[in-house]
Amino acid sequence: MAGQQWGLLPSLQAGGAEQMQRDRWMLDQLASPAVEGAQALLRFYRWSEPTLSLGHHQEAPARAAASGLPVVRRPSGGAAVLHGGDLCYAIALAQPPRGRRRTYLALNHWLQLSFEALGAVLQAGEEPQSRQERQCFSSATAADLVDRSGRKRIGSAQLWRQGKLLQHGSIQLEPDTALWAALFDEAPPPALAQFSGNLLEQALLQQAKSWLFGQPPDQLTWPEPWPPAARTSGSAATVSAIGPNESPRG
């Protein structure tokens, strides 16, 4: 992906429905005159309140209703993620590496380099993929990254559309132990106390400039007011709608 022209969107703290809407919007924009020439878009974001996100094919965990948490469905695949104490990234690529596995390898390497810059080592998970998982961080496939103790640190998922890709992921920094136990009846990954979300965001941005794309980004702005008019019927209004040429994957 080095040498591709790319745009950086402002970081944002917002609710789950809006965050998933903006992720989906990024994929839409790769064919839009608004970002003419851009081959990739990147953003980072946090959640304004604890929220449970579900993969496109997943049913809500049995305890979700009792928790009272907002629930949003992602346009990508994968299992449930409890957000609120995490930093998320979303990247849309007009010309991703050929194949889902190669894309995960490339983007995981970007994530690994960012963690290494902060003194932490991550490696790919080794467990087989399963749609039976109740929550994303209970297992780690080759699409995910774990620390030296085997604890999953980053869970990512993809949405492919006509050769273009949206990949987004959650980096758990300070997960809510009580909420995690109430939802999933298990302990969350330990907090990453050695660095802040802001520091990690800066490390990710630096590696995007120096390694992933090899050049500085175009600084972009969000459309105002939000949401913008839908480019295609329903694309802005319903983030869970998947068209015939879209392939959500965990």
Protein backbone atom coordinates (compact mmCIF):
# COMPACT_ATOMS: atom_id res chain seq x y z
CA MET A 1 0.00 0.00 0.00
CA ALA A 2 3.04 2.26 0.15
CA GLY A 3 2.72 5.20 -2.20
CA GLN A 4 -1.08 5.31 -2.15
CA GLN A 5 -2.67 8.71 -1.66
CA TRP A 6 -4.65 8.65 1.57
CA GLY A 7 -6.83 10.88 3.69
CA LEU A 8 -7.04 11.23 7.47
CA LEU A 9 -10.43 12.03 8.98
CA PRO A 10 -10.74 13.78 12.36
CA SER A 11 -10.92 11.59 15.45
CA LEU A 12 -14.37 11.41 16.95
CA GLN A 13 -16.14 10.46 20.16
CA ALA A 14 -19.77 9.54 19.52
CA GLY A 15 -22.47 6.92 20.01
CA GLY A 16 -22.47 3.51 18.40
CA ALA A 17 -25.01 4.10 15.63
CA GLU A 18 -23.16 7.19 14.43
CA GLN A 19 -19.76 5.51 14.59
CA MET A 20 -20.90 2.57 12.45
CA GLN A 21 -22.60 4.96 10.05
CA ARG A 22 -19.34 6.87 9.60
CA ASP A 23 -17.37 3.66 9.05
CA ARG A 24 -19.79 2.63 6.32
CA TRP A 25 -19.63 6.14 4.85
CA MET A 26 -15.84 5.80 4.49
CA LEU A 27 -16.25 2.82 2.19
CA ASP A 28 -18.87 4.71 0.17
CA GLN A 29 -16.52 7.66 -0.33
CA LEU A 30 -13.83 5.73 -2.20
CA ALA A 31 -15.91 6.19 -5.35
CA SER A 32 -16.99 9.75 -4.53
CA PRO A 33 -15.77 12.98 -6.17
CA ALA A 34 -15.53 14.42 -2.64
CA VAL A 35 -12.27 12.52 -2.11
CA GLU A 36 -11.15 12.30 -5.72
CA GLY A 37 -7.73 10.68 -5.99
CA ALA A 38 -7.78 9.20 -2.47
CA GLN A 39 -7.07 5.48 -2.47
CA ALA A 40 -7.48 5.06 1.28
CA LEU A 41 -9.15 6.69 4.28
CA LEU A 42 -8.22 6.32 7.94
CA ARG A 43 -9.75 7.44 11.18
CA PHE A 44 -9.62 6.74 14.94
CA TYR A 45 -12.54 6.93 17.34
CA ARG A 46 -13.85 6.36 20.84
CA TRP A 47 -17.32 5.71 22.22
CA SER A 48 -19.36 8.29 24.11
CA GLU A 49 -20.87 5.59 26.34
CA PRO A 50 -20.41 1.86 26.92
CA THR A 51 -21.93 0.11 23.91
CA LEU A 52 -22.19 -3.46 22.67
CA SER A 53 -21.52 -3.98 18.96
CA LEU A 54 -22.53 -7.15 17.14
CA GLY A 55 -21.18 -8.67 13.96
CA HIS A 56 -23.55 -8.61 11.00
CA HIS A 57 -24.45 -12.31 11.36
CA GLN A 58 -24.47 -12.48 15.16
CA GLU A 59 -27.34 -12.67 17.60
CA ALA A 60 -27.12 -10.61 20.77
CA PRO A 61 -25.78 -12.43 23.85
CA ALA A 62 -28.49 -13.58 26.24
CA ARG A 63 -27.50 -11.02 28.88
CA ALA A 64 -27.44 -8.03 26.52
CA ALA A 65 -31.07 -6.99 27.12
CA ALA A 66 -30.70 -7.16 30.91
CA SER A 67 -27.56 -5.02 30.81
CA GLY A 68 -29.44 -2.00 29.47
CA LEU A 69 -26.50 -1.14 27.19
CA PRO A 70 -27.01 0.40 23.76
CA VAL A 71 -26.55 -2.27 21.07
CA VAL A 72 -25.43 -1.56 17.51
CA ARG A 73 -24.85 -3.92 14.59
CA ARG A 74 -21.59 -3.56 12.68
CA PRO A 75 -21.53 -3.80 8.87
CA SER A 76 -18.64 -6.27 9.25
CA GLY A 77 -18.54 -9.78 10.68
CA GLY A 78 -17.14 -11.10 13.94
CA ALA A 79 -18.54 -11.51 17.44
CA ALA A 80 -19.75 -9.10 20.13
CA VAL A 81 -17.45 -6.33 21.37
CA LEU A 82 -17.96 -4.26 24.50
CA HIS A 83 -16.82 -0.72 23.70
CA GLY A 84 -16.17 2.22 25.95
CA GLY A 85 -12.69 1.53 27.28
CA ASP A 86 -11.17 1.01 23.84
CA LEU A 87 -9.62 2.90 20.95
CA CYS A 88 -11.00 1.94 17.55
CA TYR A 89 -9.59 2.39 14.07
CA ALA A 90 -11.28 2.21 10.68
CA ILE A 91 -9.50 2.06 7.35
CA ALA A 92 -11.08 1.97 3.89
CA LEU A 93 -8.96 0.81 0.95
CA ALA A 94 -9.82 1.19 -2.73
CA GLN A 95 -6.92 -1.10 -3.69
CA PRO A 96 -6.32 -3.53 -0.81
CA PRO A 97 -3.87 -6.43 -1.10
CA ARG A 98 -5.45 -9.30 -2.98
CA GLY A 99 -7.21 -11.61 -0.57
CA ARG A 100 -8.55 -11.33 2.95
CA ARG A 101 -5.54 -13.02 4.57
CA ARG A 102 -2.98 -10.76 2.87
CA THR A 103 -4.92 -7.69 3.90
CA TYR A 104 -5.07 -8.79 7.53
CA LEU A 105 -1.32 -9.52 7.47
CA ALA A 106 -0.51 -6.07 6.09
CA LEU A 107 -2.75 -4.14 8.45
CA ASN A 108 -1.76 -6.26 11.43
CA HIS A 109 1.87 -5.46 10.70
CA TRP A 110 1.01 -1.75 10.83
CA LEU A 111 -0.64 -2.32 14.22
CA GLN A 112 2.31 -4.38 15.47
CA LEU A 113 4.84 -1.73 14.47
CA SER A 114 2.81 0.88 16.34
CA PHE A 115 2.81 -1.19 19.52
CA GLU A 116 6.52 -1.95 19.15
CA ALA A 117 7.20 1.79 19.02
CA LEU A 118 5.64 1.97 22.49
CA GLY A 119 7.57 -1.02 23.83
CA ALA A 120 4.90 -3.73 23.46
CA VAL A 121 5.07 -6.86 21.31
CA LEU A 122 2.01 -8.35 19.62
CA GLN A 123 1.66 -11.43 17.42
CA ALA A 124 -1.09 -13.04 15.39
CA GLY A 125 -3.54 -15.38 17.07
CA GLU A 126 -3.59 -19.07 16.16
CA GLU A 127 -7.12 -20.27 16.95
CA PRO A 128 -9.56 -21.39 14.23
CA GLN A 129 -12.39 -19.03 13.33
CA SER A 130 -15.81 -19.88 14.72
CA ARG A 131 -19.19 -18.18 14.47
CA GLN A 132 -20.13 -19.69 17.81
CA GLU A 133 -18.06 -17.27 19.89
CA ARG A 134 -20.14 -15.17 22.27
CA GLN A 135 -17.70 -12.28 22.29
CA CYS A 136 -14.81 -11.18 20.12
CA PHE A 137 -12.06 -11.27 22.75
CA SER A 138 -12.69 -14.86 23.87
CA SER A 139 -10.56 -16.23 21.01
CA ALA A 140 -7.86 -15.00 18.65
CA THR A 141 -7.56 -16.06 15.01
CA ALA A 142 -4.89 -15.04 12.50
CA ALA A 143 -6.92 -11.85 11.96
CA ASP A 144 -6.33 -10.80 15.58
CA LEU A 145 -3.33 -9.79 17.66
CA VAL A 146 -2.33 -11.12 21.07
CA ASP A 147 0.37 -10.16 23.57
CA ARG A 148 3.23 -12.36 24.75
CA SER A 149 0.94 -14.01 27.30
CA GLY A 150 -1.55 -14.96 24.59
CA ARG A 151 -4.14 -12.39 25.68
CA LYS A 152 -6.02 -10.85 22.80
CA ARG A 153 -5.38 -7.13 22.43
CA ILE A 154 -6.85 -6.20 19.05
CA GLY A 155 -9.88 -7.68 17.33
CA SER A 156 -10.57 -6.68 13.72
CA ALA A 157 -13.27 -7.39 11.14
CA GLN A 158 -13.81 -6.64 7.47
CA LEU A 159 -16.46 -5.66 4.95
CA TRP A 160 -15.62 -6.23 1.27
CA ARG A 161 -17.57 -4.55 -1.52
CA GLN A 162 -16.69 -4.95 -5.20
CA GLY A 163 -12.98 -5.25 -4.49
CA LYS A 164 -12.89 -2.39 -1.97
CA LEU A 165 -12.41 -2.94 1.75
CA LEU A 166 -13.47 -1.53 5.09
CA GLN A 167 -11.55 -2.93 8.05
CA HIS A 168 -12.16 -1.71 11.56
CA GLY A 169 -10.96 -2.92 14.91
CA SER A 170 -11.08 -2.48 18.67
CA ILE A 171 -7.97 -2.02 20.85
CA GLN A 172 -8.98 -2.68 24.44
CA LEU A 173 -7.22 -0.21 26.74
CA GLU A 174 -9.29 0.03 29.93
CA PRO A 175 -12.18 -2.45 29.66
CA ASP A 176 -14.93 -2.20 32.28
CA THR A 177 -14.41 -5.31 34.40
CA ALA A 178 -17.89 -5.29 35.98
CA LEU A 179 -19.73 -4.79 32.70
CA TRP A 180 -17.60 -7.42 30.99
CA ALA A 181 -18.41 -9.97 33.69
CA ALA A 182 -22.11 -9.11 33.61
CA LEU A 183 -22.30 -9.56 29.82
CA PHE A 184 -19.94 -12.45 29.19
CA ASP A 185 -19.35 -14.07 32.62
CA GLU A 186 -15.58 -13.83 32.17
CA ALA A 187 -12.74 -11.43 32.81
CA PRO A 188 -11.71 -8.86 30.18
CA PRO A 189 -8.18 -8.39 28.88
CA PRO A 190 -6.08 -6.58 31.53
CA ALA A 191 -5.84 -2.82 31.16
CA LEU A 192 -2.95 -1.42 29.13
CA ALA A 193 -1.75 0.96 31.80
CA GLN A 194 1.62 1.76 30.21
CA PHE A 195 0.26 4.16 27.60
CA SER A 196 -2.82 6.24 26.88
CA GLY A 197 -5.22 6.12 23.97
CA ASN A 198 -3.87 9.45 22.72
CA LEU A 199 -0.31 8.14 22.74
CA LEU A 200 -1.36 4.99 20.89
CA GLU A 201 -3.29 7.02 18.32
CA GLN A 202 -0.17 9.08 17.61
CA ALA A 203 1.93 5.92 17.22
CA LEU A 204 -0.60 4.45 14.79
CA LEU A 205 -0.67 7.64 12.77
CA GLN A 206 3.12 7.81 12.61
CA GLN A 207 3.38 4.22 11.33
CA ALA A 208 0.64 4.93 8.78
CA LYS A 209 2.76 7.79 7.47
CA SER A 210 6.14 6.05 7.57
CA TRP A 211 5.32 2.40 6.80
CA LEU A 212 1.75 1.74 5.67
CA PHE A 213 1.47 4.49 3.04
CA GLY A 214 4.94 6.02 3.08
CA GLN A 215 3.71 9.60 2.90
CA PRO A 216 1.70 12.16 4.90
CA PRO A 217 -2.09 12.14 4.54
CA ASP A 218 -4.47 14.67 3.10
CA GLN A 219 -6.20 16.24 6.10
CA LEU A 220 -9.94 15.82 5.54
CA THR A 221 -13.04 17.09 7.31
CA TRP A 222 -16.39 15.46 7.98
CA PRO A 223 -19.46 16.59 6.02
CA GLU A 224 -21.58 19.06 7.95
CA PRO A 225 -24.29 18.67 8.93
CA TRP A 226 -24.12 14.96 9.68
CA PRO A 227 -25.46 12.64 8.37
CA PRO A 228 -24.95 13.63 4.75
CA ALA A 229 -27.47 12.66 2.09
CA ALA A 230 -27.20 8.96 1.26
CA ARG A 231 -25.26 8.21 -1.92
CA THR A 232 -27.28 5.06 -2.42
CA SER A 233 -30.67 4.16 -1.05
CA GLY A 234 -30.47 3.25 2.63
CA SER A 235 -26.69 3.39 2.93
CA ALA A 236 -26.65 6.23 5.45
CA ALA A 237 -29.85 5.36 7.23
CA THR A 238 -29.31 1.69 7.98
CA VAL A 239 -25.80 0.57 8.80
CA SER A 240 -26.88 -3.05 9.12
CA ALA A 241 -28.15 -3.34 5.55
CA ILE A 242 -25.81 -5.51 3.48
CA GLY A 243 -26.12 -5.46 -0.28
CA PRO A 244 -25.63 -8.37 -2.68
CA ASN A 245 -22.01 -7.42 -3.46
CA GLU A 246 -20.91 -6.98 0.17
CA SER A 247 -19.11 -9.60 2.20
CA PRO A 248 -18.84 -9.05 5.97
CA ARG A 249 -16.10 -11.11 7.58
CA GLY A 250 -14.72 -11.53 11.06
